[in-house]
Amino acid sequence: QVHVAESGGGLVQPGGSLRLSCAASGIIFENQVMAWYRQVPGKERERVGFIGPRGATNEAPSVKGRFTISRDNAKNTVFLQMNNLKPEDTDVYYCNSLEAPFPWGQGTQVTVSS
């Protein structure tokens, strides 16, 4: 059974940084294109970016240059380094396989506020 757990969220001031982690089990992780998403209730889920099995990345225009995605296949974990955070980045962040989505995890709350 596939299980994913996101962590690392919190409250940060504008301009600050956070590093999110997403640990997955029950899948052949190293073959997956892994994506980060964000969503708050009542809003459509937005894809933040994704990373291929060999590390090639693609980020949404709204976060490009501020957010970086990386992965550690040995630990079945994907990371989202978020720098220069803005209030509009406030959301619940989730990870999932881009091409073969599995049940969503609980996500991790990121709040950017002074």
C-alpha atoms as a PDB file:
ATOM      1  CA  GLN A   1       0.000   0.000   0.000  1.00  0.00           C
ATOM      2  CA  VAL A   2       1.299   3.414  -0.967  1.00  0.00           C
ATOM      3  CA  HIS A   3       1.886   5.882   1.827  1.00  0.00           C
ATOM      4  CA  VAL A   4       3.254   9.407   1.643  1.00  0.00           C
ATOM      5  CA  ALA A   5       4.044  11.809   4.432  1.00  0.00           C
ATOM      6  CA  GLU A   6       4.832  15.473   3.983  1.00  0.00           C
ATOM      7  CA  SER A   7       6.622  17.466   6.681  1.00  0.00           C
ATOM      8  CA  GLY A   8       8.595  20.636   7.318  1.00  0.00           C
ATOM      9  CA  GLY A   9       5.893  23.267   7.124  1.00  0.00           C
ATOM     10  CA  GLY A  10       5.416  26.069   9.606  1.00  0.00           C
ATOM     11  CA  LEU A  11       5.036  29.796  10.147  1.00  0.00           C
ATOM     12  CA  VAL A  12       7.650  32.016   8.544  1.00  0.00           C
ATOM     13  CA  GLN A  13       7.999  35.728   7.897  1.00  0.00           C
ATOM     14  CA  PRO A  14       7.998  37.110   4.353  1.00  0.00           C
ATOM     15  CA  GLY A  15      11.434  36.656   2.832  1.00  0.00           C
ATOM     16  CA  GLY A  16      12.121  33.598   4.944  1.00  0.00           C
ATOM     17  CA  SER A  17      12.840  30.006   3.949  1.00  0.00           C
ATOM     18  CA  LEU A  18      11.489  26.550   4.612  1.00  0.00           C
ATOM     19  CA  ARG A  19      12.454  23.081   3.452  1.00  0.00           C
ATOM     20  CA  LEU A  20       9.671  20.578   2.972  1.00  0.00           C
ATOM     21  CA  SER A  21      10.154  16.825   2.830  1.00  0.00           C
ATOM     22  CA  CYS A  22       7.989  14.095   1.391  1.00  0.00           C
ATOM     23  CA  ALA A  23       8.728  10.486   2.270  1.00  0.00           C
ATOM     24  CA  ALA A  24       7.027   7.788   0.215  1.00  0.00           C
ATOM     25  CA  SER A  25       6.675   4.054   0.683  1.00  0.00           C
ATOM     26  CA  GLY A  26       4.996   1.248  -1.207  1.00  0.00           C
ATOM     27  CA  ILE A  27       6.167   2.459  -4.622  1.00  0.00           C
ATOM     28  CA  ILE A  28       9.255   2.049  -6.794  1.00  0.00           C
ATOM     29  CA  PHE A  29      10.266   5.573  -5.885  1.00  0.00           C
ATOM     30  CA  GLU A  30      13.293   5.941  -8.126  1.00  0.00           C
ATOM     31  CA  ASN A  31      11.135   5.448 -11.240  1.00  0.00           C
ATOM     32  CA  GLN A  32       8.591   8.097 -10.309  1.00  0.00           C
ATOM     33  CA  VAL A  33       8.334  11.642 -11.529  1.00  0.00           C
ATOM     34  CA  MET A  34       7.503  13.298  -8.204  1.00  0.00           C
ATOM     35  CA  ALA A  35       5.568  16.541  -8.016  1.00  0.00           C
ATOM     36  CA  TRP A  36       4.790  19.123  -5.354  1.00  0.00           C
ATOM     37  CA  TYR A  37       1.342  20.719  -5.208  1.00  0.00           C
ATOM     38  CA  ARG A  38      -0.337  23.283  -3.023  1.00  0.00           C
ATOM     39  CA  GLN A  39      -3.944  23.930  -2.167  1.00  0.00           C
ATOM     40  CA  VAL A  40      -6.199  25.557   0.379  1.00  0.00           C
ATOM     41  CA  PRO A  41      -9.873  24.625   0.813  1.00  0.00           C
ATOM     42  CA  GLY A  42     -12.035  26.200  -1.870  1.00  0.00           C
ATOM     43  CA  LYS A  43      -9.157  26.736  -4.261  1.00  0.00           C
ATOM     44  CA  GLU A  44      -7.967  24.617  -7.146  1.00  0.00           C
ATOM     45  CA  ARG A  45      -4.861  22.558  -6.518  1.00  0.00           C
ATOM     46  CA  GLU A  46      -1.789  24.142  -8.119  1.00  0.00           C
ATOM     47  CA  ARG A  47       1.257  22.198  -9.204  1.00  0.00           C
ATOM     48  CA  VAL A  48       4.378  23.851  -7.847  1.00  0.00           C
ATOM     49  CA  GLY A  49       6.835  21.750  -9.819  1.00  0.00           C
ATOM     50  CA  PHE A  50       8.180  18.275 -10.409  1.00  0.00           C
ATOM     51  CA  ILE A  51      11.392  16.297 -10.585  1.00  0.00           C
ATOM     52  CA  GLY A  52      12.227  13.399 -12.859  1.00  0.00           C
ATOM     53  CA  PRO A  53      13.961  10.183 -11.849  1.00  0.00           C
ATOM     54  CA  ARG A  54      17.382  11.544 -12.793  1.00  0.00           C
ATOM     55  CA  GLY A  55      16.871  14.957 -11.210  1.00  0.00           C
ATOM     56  CA  ALA A  56      15.603  17.145 -14.038  1.00  0.00           C
ATOM     57  CA  THR A  57      13.197  19.692 -12.610  1.00  0.00           C
ATOM     58  CA  ASN A  58      10.424  21.972 -13.751  1.00  0.00           C
ATOM     59  CA  GLU A  59       8.940  24.730 -11.577  1.00  0.00           C
ATOM     60  CA  ALA A  60       5.819  26.823 -12.020  1.00  0.00           C
ATOM     61  CA  PRO A  61       6.411  30.432 -13.111  1.00  0.00           C
ATOM     62  CA  SER A  62       5.032  31.693  -9.797  1.00  0.00           C
ATOM     63  CA  VAL A  63       7.858  30.017  -7.854  1.00  0.00           C
ATOM     64  CA  LYS A  64      10.671  29.762 -10.382  1.00  0.00           C
ATOM     65  CA  GLY A  65      13.906  31.154  -8.991  1.00  0.00           C
ATOM     66  CA  ARG A  66      12.623  30.876  -5.404  1.00  0.00           C
ATOM     67  CA  PHE A  67      11.714  27.190  -5.004  1.00  0.00           C
ATOM     68  CA  THR A  68      13.998  24.243  -5.757  1.00  0.00           C
ATOM     69  CA  ILE A  69      13.006  20.579  -5.925  1.00  0.00           C
ATOM     70  CA  SER A  70      15.443  17.774  -5.177  1.00  0.00           C
ATOM     71  CA  ARG A  71      15.262  14.095  -4.298  1.00  0.00           C
ATOM     72  CA  ASP A  72      17.117  11.361  -2.458  1.00  0.00           C
ATOM     73  CA  ASN A  73      16.183   8.051  -4.055  1.00  0.00           C
ATOM     74  CA  ALA A  74      18.050   6.085  -1.379  1.00  0.00           C
ATOM     75  CA  LYS A  75      15.654   7.524   1.206  1.00  0.00           C
ATOM     76  CA  ASN A  76      12.529   7.575  -1.000  1.00  0.00           C
ATOM     77  CA  THR A  77      12.248  11.273  -0.262  1.00  0.00           C
ATOM     78  CA  VAL A  78      11.647  14.401  -2.311  1.00  0.00           C
ATOM     79  CA  PHE A  79      12.362  17.904  -1.021  1.00  0.00           C
ATOM     80  CA  LEU A  80      11.055  21.390  -1.706  1.00  0.00           C
ATOM     81  CA  GLN A  81      13.421  24.192  -0.728  1.00  0.00           C
ATOM     82  CA  MET A  82      11.446  27.423  -0.549  1.00  0.00           C
ATOM     83  CA  ASN A  83      13.305  30.723  -0.363  1.00  0.00           C
ATOM     84  CA  ASN A  84      12.136  34.344  -0.385  1.00  0.00           C
ATOM     85  CA  LEU A  85       8.689  33.239   0.710  1.00  0.00           C
ATOM     86  CA  LYS A  86       5.738  35.528   0.081  1.00  0.00           C
ATOM     87  CA  PRO A  87       2.323  35.719   1.802  1.00  0.00           C
ATOM     88  CA  GLU A  88       0.741  34.297  -1.348  1.00  0.00           C
ATOM     89  CA  ASP A  89       2.758  31.105  -0.835  1.00  0.00           C
ATOM     90  CA  THR A  90       0.577  30.345   2.192  1.00  0.00           C
ATOM     91  CA  ASP A  91      -1.026  26.980   1.455  1.00  0.00           C
ATOM     92  CA  VAL A  92      -1.078  23.315   2.324  1.00  0.00           C
ATOM     93  CA  TYR A  93       1.666  21.560   0.373  1.00  0.00           C
ATOM     94  CA  TYR A  94       1.393  17.996  -0.916  1.00  0.00           C
ATOM     95  CA  CYS A  95       3.509  15.642  -2.978  1.00  0.00           C
ATOM     96  CA  ASN A  96       2.413  12.929  -5.361  1.00  0.00           C
ATOM     97  CA  SER A  97       3.522  10.998  -8.398  1.00  0.00           C
ATOM     98  CA  LEU A  98       2.974  13.158 -11.475  1.00  0.00           C
ATOM     99  CA  GLU A  99       2.176  10.297 -13.852  1.00  0.00           C
ATOM    100  CA  ALA A 100       0.634   7.647 -11.588  1.00  0.00           C
ATOM    101  CA  PRO A 101      -0.989   9.492  -8.676  1.00  0.00           C
ATOM    102  CA  PHE A 102      -1.582   7.633  -5.433  1.00  0.00           C
ATOM    103  CA  PRO A 103      -3.837   8.585  -2.493  1.00  0.00           C
ATOM    104  CA  TRP A 104      -3.002  12.037  -1.184  1.00  0.00           C
ATOM    105  CA  GLY A 105      -1.233  12.485   2.119  1.00  0.00           C
ATOM    106  CA  GLN A 106      -2.178  14.959   4.845  1.00  0.00           C
ATOM    107  CA  GLY A 107       0.031  17.679   3.456  1.00  0.00           C
ATOM    108  CA  THR A 108       2.030  20.194   5.449  1.00  0.00           C
ATOM    109  CA  GLN A 109       0.829  23.716   6.227  1.00  0.00           C
ATOM    110  CA  VAL A 110       2.997  26.652   5.196  1.00  0.00           C
ATOM    111  CA  THR A 111       2.022  30.067   6.516  1.00  0.00           C
ATOM    112  CA  VAL A 112       3.901  33.188   5.433  1.00  0.00           C
ATOM    113  CA  SER A 113       2.995  36.143   7.592  1.00  0.00           C
ATOM    114  CA  SER A 114       4.583  38.947   9.545  1.00  0.00           C
END
